[in-house]
């Protein structure tokens, strides 16, 4: 009776016996790590089909390697919101490319504010961890993760000494956008920022809030904007969403006598929301209001407008993180990788409108 018929899972040894070849030869057919003749390959595959053998047991391979074959990716905020952001999906595409040689699966974890000790990250059965941002709560659990000997890479965040980072020139790039608007003559400028911390509150940005802010991307972009417009009022959004940009845009444009002539948003999605808020009030972009974003993503709902923005290499950032993980799992040291953005002047910014 065959292994298949007896109910026992067929093994590679069973396949080799049935095909009349060495076990190592049968293994090579399934691993693809060396060439075998077409005739031998056909015999092995026929024997495998007859026995119901579909390939090596991944659990056994994991035990031999001492690895799970899984890389954890920790995202801030709700997962459903994260994947509405094209920047996140582009980074995840790049990360998958960077991990391709490992054939690793990806486990998505949320940086959950209900877990003050970061226990989900500390106890996850994974081989490595990629953090998109790094809150104080997540940072507290990293000592446990690193004590397990797991590689850790951070995309746009700071996890402390010795943790490789994927870094973007957020402050300089945000300053480039702000400088462009200043050169167009604008002085009454307002800002829409990304969330400052895990509370993700939609409210005016104050010095006290900045002092306790934990989201590095927001802090860096705000630093760049304020380096050009130090007195610009700012409101933090609860996330990088068009609807959020629209809500904050309404707040900034509500007072007709004190409206800004330009609004700088820390993401393209927020900028599109601001444009919609302006249109609701009958304001023309860019004739009455200039709007600029950050990211350089493809966005719908702009009609014939092209958003003025800073284009970031989102796919390349993700790929670099994956490559660092792969390198560290091979026993090689990880390194910090720096990327730069590219300013793109669009048609949503123009010269400051003449005073009535």
Protein backbone atom coordinates (compact mmCIF):
# COMPACT_ATOMS: atom_id res chain seq x y z
CA UNK A 1 0.00 0.00 0.00
CA UNK A 2 1.40 3.44 -0.91
CA UNK A 3 2.06 6.17 1.64
CA UNK A 4 -0.74 8.13 0.02
CA UNK A 5 -3.21 5.25 0.42
CA UNK A 6 -2.19 4.57 4.04
CA UNK A 7 -3.05 8.13 5.02
CA UNK A 8 0.57 8.96 5.96
CA UNK A 9 2.04 12.02 4.28
CA UNK A 10 4.39 10.90 1.53
CA UNK A 11 8.02 11.94 1.97
CA UNK A 12 10.75 12.77 -0.50
CA UNK A 13 12.30 9.38 0.31
CA UNK A 14 9.06 7.66 -0.76
CA UNK A 15 9.15 9.56 -4.04
CA UNK A 16 12.81 8.66 -4.61
CA UNK A 17 12.13 4.93 -4.04
CA UNK A 18 9.15 4.97 -6.37
CA UNK A 19 11.11 6.80 -9.09
CA UNK A 20 14.19 4.62 -8.64
CA UNK A 21 16.53 7.52 -7.92
CA UNK A 22 18.57 8.72 -4.96
CA UNK A 23 16.79 10.84 -2.35
CA UNK A 24 19.20 13.69 -3.06
CA UNK A 25 18.26 13.60 -6.74
CA UNK A 26 14.56 13.77 -5.93
CA UNK A 27 15.23 16.69 -3.56
CA UNK A 28 17.03 18.58 -6.31
CA UNK A 29 13.98 18.28 -8.58
CA UNK A 30 11.83 20.10 -6.01
CA UNK A 31 14.42 22.61 -4.80
CA UNK A 32 15.55 23.67 -8.27
CA UNK A 33 19.06 24.28 -6.89
CA UNK A 34 20.77 22.09 -9.49
CA UNK A 35 19.99 20.74 -12.95
CA UNK A 36 18.77 17.21 -13.61
CA UNK A 37 17.93 15.55 -16.91
CA UNK A 38 14.47 15.98 -18.32
CA UNK A 39 13.87 12.21 -18.13
CA UNK A 40 14.82 12.05 -14.43
CA UNK A 41 12.73 15.10 -13.64
CA UNK A 42 9.72 13.54 -15.40
CA UNK A 43 10.14 10.25 -13.46
CA UNK A 44 10.32 12.05 -10.11
CA UNK A 45 7.32 14.28 -10.81
CA UNK A 46 5.28 11.27 -12.01
CA UNK A 47 6.13 9.36 -8.82
CA UNK A 48 5.25 12.42 -6.72
CA UNK A 49 1.89 12.79 -8.44
CA UNK A 50 1.13 9.12 -7.89
CA UNK A 51 1.95 9.38 -4.17
CA UNK A 52 0.20 12.73 -3.70
CA UNK A 53 3.47 14.43 -2.76
CA UNK A 54 3.30 18.19 -3.35
CA UNK A 55 6.70 19.29 -2.04
CA UNK A 56 8.80 19.56 1.10
CA UNK A 57 6.94 20.17 4.36
CA UNK A 58 7.58 23.87 5.11
CA UNK A 59 7.27 23.18 8.84
CA UNK A 60 10.13 20.71 8.70
CA UNK A 61 12.25 23.13 6.71
CA UNK A 62 11.56 25.85 9.27
CA UNK A 63 12.61 23.58 12.11
CA UNK A 64 15.86 22.69 10.35
CA UNK A 65 16.68 26.33 9.74
CA UNK A 66 15.46 27.49 13.13
CA UNK A 67 13.34 30.08 11.34
CA UNK A 68 9.67 30.70 10.76
CA UNK A 69 10.02 32.12 7.23
CA UNK A 70 8.02 35.20 8.33
CA UNK A 71 8.99 38.88 8.51
CA UNK A 72 6.84 41.16 10.68
CA UNK A 73 5.90 44.60 9.37
CA UNK A 74 4.62 46.99 12.04
CA UNK A 75 2.36 49.81 10.85
CA UNK A 76 1.15 52.76 12.89
CA UNK A 77 -2.61 53.30 13.10
CA UNK A 78 -5.39 51.12 11.71
CA UNK A 79 -4.37 48.70 8.95
CA UNK A 80 -7.43 49.58 6.88
CA UNK A 81 -6.34 53.24 6.82
CA UNK A 82 -2.73 52.38 6.06
CA UNK A 83 -3.67 50.55 2.89
CA UNK A 84 -5.76 53.45 1.64
CA UNK A 85 -2.46 55.34 1.39
CA UNK A 86 -0.66 54.71 -1.93
CA UNK A 87 2.68 55.47 -0.25
CA UNK A 88 2.23 52.53 2.11
CA UNK A 89 1.21 50.15 -0.68
CA UNK A 90 4.19 51.27 -2.78
CA UNK A 91 6.55 50.66 0.15
CA UNK A 92 5.04 47.22 0.70
CA UNK A 93 5.56 46.39 -2.99
CA UNK A 94 9.20 47.39 -2.67
CA UNK A 95 9.59 45.45 0.58
CA UNK A 96 8.23 42.31 -1.08
CA UNK A 97 10.77 42.77 -3.89
CA UNK A 98 13.59 43.16 -1.39
CA UNK A 99 12.59 39.96 0.43
CA UNK A 100 12.09 37.95 -2.77
CA UNK A 101 15.26 35.87 -2.38
CA UNK A 102 14.15 34.78 1.10
CA UNK A 103 10.75 33.52 -0.08
CA UNK A 104 9.49 34.94 3.22
CA UNK A 105 5.91 35.58 4.20
CA UNK A 106 4.88 38.94 5.69
CA UNK A 107 2.97 39.30 8.97
CA UNK A 108 1.28 42.69 9.37
CA UNK A 109 1.09 44.01 12.91
CA UNK A 110 -0.49 47.20 14.16
CA UNK A 111 1.29 49.41 16.66
CA UNK A 112 -1.66 49.05 19.04
CA UNK A 113 -2.04 51.78 21.72
CA UNK A 114 -3.84 49.25 23.94
CA UNK A 115 -0.59 47.29 24.27
CA UNK A 116 1.66 49.60 26.24
CA UNK A 117 4.40 46.96 26.43
CA UNK A 118 4.45 46.09 22.73
CA UNK A 119 3.85 42.44 23.63
CA UNK A 120 2.54 41.48 20.19
CA UNK A 121 5.84 42.45 18.61
CA UNK A 122 7.94 40.94 21.38
CA UNK A 123 6.20 37.55 21.16
CA UNK A 124 5.58 37.27 17.40
CA UNK A 125 7.07 34.07 15.83
CA UNK A 126 9.07 35.91 13.18
CA UNK A 127 12.61 36.01 11.78
CA UNK A 128 12.92 39.79 11.43
CA UNK A 129 10.99 43.00 11.99
CA UNK A 130 10.44 46.03 9.73
CA UNK A 131 9.00 49.09 11.46
CA UNK A 132 7.26 51.78 9.43
CA UNK A 133 7.88 54.59 11.88
CA UNK A 134 8.76 53.86 15.49
CA UNK A 135 6.61 55.04 18.39
CA UNK A 136 7.87 55.16 21.96
CA UNK A 137 5.70 52.16 22.73
CA UNK A 138 7.21 50.08 19.94
CA UNK A 139 10.70 51.20 20.86
CA UNK A 140 10.17 49.86 24.39
CA UNK A 141 9.59 46.33 23.06
CA UNK A 142 12.60 46.35 20.73
CA UNK A 143 15.05 45.37 23.48
CA UNK A 144 13.17 42.08 23.79
CA UNK A 145 13.07 41.59 20.03
CA UNK A 146 16.79 42.27 19.65
CA UNK A 147 17.62 40.00 22.59
CA UNK A 148 16.12 37.19 20.51
CA UNK A 149 18.73 37.98 17.87
CA UNK A 150 16.14 39.21 15.36
CA UNK A 151 17.17 41.77 12.71
CA UNK A 152 15.25 45.05 12.93
CA UNK A 153 15.01 47.74 10.24
CA UNK A 154 13.11 51.03 10.57
CA UNK A 155 11.62 52.97 7.67
CA UNK A 156 11.58 56.68 8.59
CA UNK A 157 11.89 56.40 12.34
CA UNK A 158 14.51 56.12 15.04
CA UNK A 159 14.74 52.91 17.07
CA UNK A 160 17.99 53.85 18.75
CA UNK A 161 21.64 52.94 18.44
CA UNK A 162 22.54 50.08 16.13
CA UNK A 163 19.21 49.73 14.30
CA UNK A 164 19.54 50.27 10.52
CA UNK A 165 17.24 52.95 9.16
CA UNK A 166 15.76 53.83 5.78
CA UNK A 167 15.95 57.62 5.86
CA UNK A 168 14.25 60.27 3.72
CA UNK A 169 15.25 63.95 3.57
CA UNK A 170 11.83 65.05 4.87
CA UNK A 171 12.89 68.37 6.37
CA UNK A 172 14.88 69.52 3.32
CA UNK A 173 12.19 68.35 0.88
CA UNK A 174 9.39 70.09 2.81
CA UNK A 175 11.50 73.26 2.87
CA UNK A 176 11.89 73.08 -0.91
CA UNK A 177 8.11 73.07 -1.36
CA UNK A 178 7.67 75.92 1.12
CA UNK A 179 10.44 77.93 -0.53
CA UNK A 180 8.70 77.58 -3.91
CA UNK A 181 5.50 79.00 -2.42
CA UNK A 182 7.40 81.84 -0.76
CA UNK A 183 9.10 82.67 -4.05
CA UNK A 184 5.63 83.03 -5.59
CA UNK A 185 5.02 85.88 -3.14
CA UNK A 186 2.90 84.11 -0.53
CA UNK A 187 3.20 85.23 3.08
CA UNK A 188 -0.14 84.18 4.59
CA UNK A 189 0.43 80.43 4.60
CA UNK A 190 -1.17 77.64 6.67
CA UNK A 191 -0.06 74.04 7.17
CA UNK A 192 -1.82 70.66 7.35
CA UNK A 193 0.31 68.07 9.09
CA UNK A 194 0.22 64.32 9.45
CA UNK A 195 -0.60 62.96 12.94
CA UNK A 196 1.81 64.08 15.64
CA UNK A 197 1.43 60.99 17.83
CA UNK A 198 -0.59 57.82 18.33
CA UNK A 199 -3.57 59.83 19.62
CA UNK A 200 -3.99 61.08 16.02
CA UNK A 201 -6.00 64.14 17.06
CA UNK A 202 -7.32 66.67 14.56
CA UNK A 203 -6.51 69.98 16.23
CA UNK A 204 -4.22 73.03 16.08
CA UNK A 205 -0.52 72.34 16.41
CA UNK A 206 0.95 74.06 19.46
CA UNK A 207 4.53 74.20 20.79
CA UNK A 208 3.46 71.91 23.64
CA UNK A 209 2.12 69.31 21.19
CA UNK A 210 5.28 69.46 19.09
CA UNK A 211 7.36 68.99 22.24
CA UNK A 212 5.64 65.66 22.94
CA UNK A 213 5.24 64.55 19.30
CA UNK A 214 6.45 61.03 18.47
CA UNK A 215 5.98 60.70 14.69
CA UNK A 216 9.35 61.52 13.14
CA UNK A 217 8.01 62.11 9.61
CA UNK A 218 5.55 64.75 10.85
CA UNK A 219 8.16 66.45 13.02
CA UNK A 220 10.75 66.57 10.23
CA UNK A 221 8.36 67.89 7.57
CA UNK A 222 7.04 70.49 10.01
CA UNK A 223 10.60 71.58 10.74
CA UNK A 224 11.19 72.10 7.02
CA UNK A 225 7.97 74.07 6.53
CA UNK A 226 8.55 76.27 9.57
CA UNK A 227 12.13 76.99 8.46
CA UNK A 228 10.57 79.02 5.62
CA UNK A 229 7.31 80.13 7.29
CA UNK A 230 8.09 80.19 11.03
CA UNK A 231 4.78 81.80 11.98
CA UNK A 232 2.50 79.64 9.82
CA UNK A 233 -0.45 78.20 11.76
CA UNK A 234 -0.84 74.42 11.49
CA UNK A 235 -3.54 71.84 12.15
CA UNK A 236 -2.78 68.14 12.49
CA UNK A 237 -4.95 65.65 10.62
CA UNK A 238 -5.89 62.28 12.08
CA UNK A 239 -4.41 60.46 9.09
CA UNK A 240 -3.24 60.77 5.50
CA UNK A 241 -6.69 60.70 3.90
CA UNK A 242 -8.53 62.93 1.42
CA UNK A 243 -11.49 63.26 3.78
CA UNK A 244 -9.16 64.42 6.55
CA UNK A 245 -7.61 67.02 4.27
CA UNK A 246 -11.08 68.27 3.42
CA UNK A 247 -12.04 68.59 7.10
CA UNK A 248 -8.87 70.45 8.03
CA UNK A 249 -9.15 72.57 4.89
CA UNK A 250 -12.61 73.71 5.98
CA UNK A 251 -11.18 74.69 9.37
CA UNK A 252 -8.39 76.76 7.81
CA UNK A 253 -10.61 78.44 5.23
CA UNK A 254 -13.66 79.11 7.42
CA UNK A 255 -12.79 82.72 8.25
CA UNK A 256 -13.14 84.64 4.98
CA UNK A 257 -11.36 87.72 6.38
CA UNK A 258 -8.25 85.81 7.47
CA UNK A 259 -7.88 83.11 4.86
CA UNK A 260 -4.38 82.04 3.88
CA UNK A 261 -3.38 82.50 0.26
CA UNK A 262 -1.57 79.15 0.28
CA UNK A 263 -1.85 75.87 2.20
CA UNK A 264 0.97 73.34 2.44
CA UNK A 265 -0.05 69.77 3.25
CA UNK A 266 2.27 67.02 4.45
CA UNK A 267 0.82 64.46 2.03
CA UNK A 268 -0.74 64.54 -1.41
CA UNK A 269 -3.96 62.98 -0.14
CA UNK A 270 -4.34 65.74 2.42
CA UNK A 271 -3.64 68.32 -0.30
CA UNK A 272 -6.41 66.92 -2.51
CA UNK A 273 -8.79 67.19 0.44
CA UNK A 274 -7.81 70.85 0.92
CA UNK A 275 -8.53 71.52 -2.76
CA UNK A 276 -12.00 70.00 -2.35
CA UNK A 277 -12.65 72.18 0.69
CA UNK A 278 -11.62 75.24 -1.33
CA UNK A 279 -13.93 74.27 -4.18
CA UNK A 280 -16.84 73.95 -1.74
CA UNK A 281 -16.32 77.61 -0.85
CA UNK A 282 -16.13 78.69 -4.48
CA UNK A 283 -12.38 79.31 -4.33
CA UNK A 284 -10.33 78.66 -7.45
CA UNK A 285 -7.03 76.75 -7.27
CA UNK A 286 -4.50 78.23 -7.89
CA UNK A 287 -5.98 81.66 -8.71
CA UNK A 288 -7.46 82.23 -5.22
CA UNK A 289 -5.57 79.61 -3.22
CA UNK A 290 -2.31 77.78 -3.87
CA UNK A 291 -2.06 74.22 -2.53
CA UNK A 292 0.98 71.94 -2.35
CA UNK A 293 1.45 68.40 -1.08
CA UNK A 294 4.16 65.84 -0.41
CA UNK A 295 4.75 62.30 -1.80
CA UNK A 296 4.37 62.47 -5.58
CA UNK A 297 1.67 59.81 -5.85
CA UNK A 298 -0.95 59.45 -8.58
CA UNK A 299 -4.19 60.91 -7.22
CA UNK A 300 -7.68 61.13 -8.68
CA UNK A 301 -10.13 63.98 -8.44
CA UNK A 302 -7.89 66.84 -9.57
CA UNK A 303 -9.42 67.35 -12.99
CA UNK A 304 -6.80 68.97 -15.17
CA UNK A 305 -4.65 70.10 -12.24
CA UNK A 306 -1.19 68.73 -11.49
CA UNK A 307 -0.29 68.87 -7.81
CA UNK A 308 2.80 70.78 -6.74
CA UNK A 309 4.61 68.36 -4.46
CA UNK A 310 7.83 66.64 -3.41
CA UNK A 311 8.20 63.23 -5.04
CA UNK A 312 9.56 60.55 -2.74
CA UNK A 313 10.97 57.12 -3.77
CA UNK A 314 8.45 54.99 -1.85
CA UNK A 315 9.09 51.71 -3.70
CA UNK A 316 12.85 52.10 -3.34
CA UNK A 317 12.50 52.72 0.40
CA UNK A 318 10.59 49.47 0.86
CA UNK A 319 13.01 47.54 -1.33
CA UNK A 320 15.98 48.86 0.65
CA UNK A 321 14.37 47.73 3.91
CA UNK A 322 13.80 44.24 2.50
CA UNK A 323 17.37 44.05 1.24
CA UNK A 324 18.72 45.02 4.65
CA UNK A 325 16.64 42.30 6.31
CA UNK A 326 17.91 39.71 3.82
CA UNK A 327 21.50 40.85 4.40
CA UNK A 328 21.16 40.65 8.19
CA UNK A 329 19.61 37.19 8.05
CA UNK A 330 22.73 36.08 6.19
CA UNK A 331 24.79 37.24 9.17
CA UNK A 332 25.99 40.45 7.55
CA UNK A 333 25.61 43.83 9.28
CA UNK A 334 22.75 46.07 8.23
CA UNK A 335 23.39 49.67 7.21
CA UNK A 336 21.37 52.88 7.17
CA UNK A 337 20.27 53.92 3.66
CA UNK A 338 19.52 57.56 2.76
CA UNK A 339 17.08 58.66 0.06
CA UNK A 340 16.22 62.11 -1.30
CA UNK A 341 13.04 63.59 -2.74
CA UNK A 342 12.57 65.53 -5.97
CA UNK A 343 10.58 68.79 -6.06
CA UNK A 344 7.89 68.94 -8.74
CA UNK A 345 6.18 72.21 -9.60
CA UNK A 346 2.61 71.62 -10.71
CA UNK A 347 -0.37 73.77 -11.57
CA UNK A 348 -1.92 73.98 -8.07
CA UNK A 349 0.41 76.81 -7.05
CA UNK A 350 0.65 80.28 -8.58
CA UNK A 351 1.60 83.84 -7.70
CA UNK A 352 -0.05 85.30 -4.61
CA UNK A 353 -3.38 86.84 -5.61
CA UNK A 354 -3.57 90.64 -5.61
CA UNK A 355 -5.17 92.16 -2.54
CA UNK A 356 -8.75 93.38 -3.16
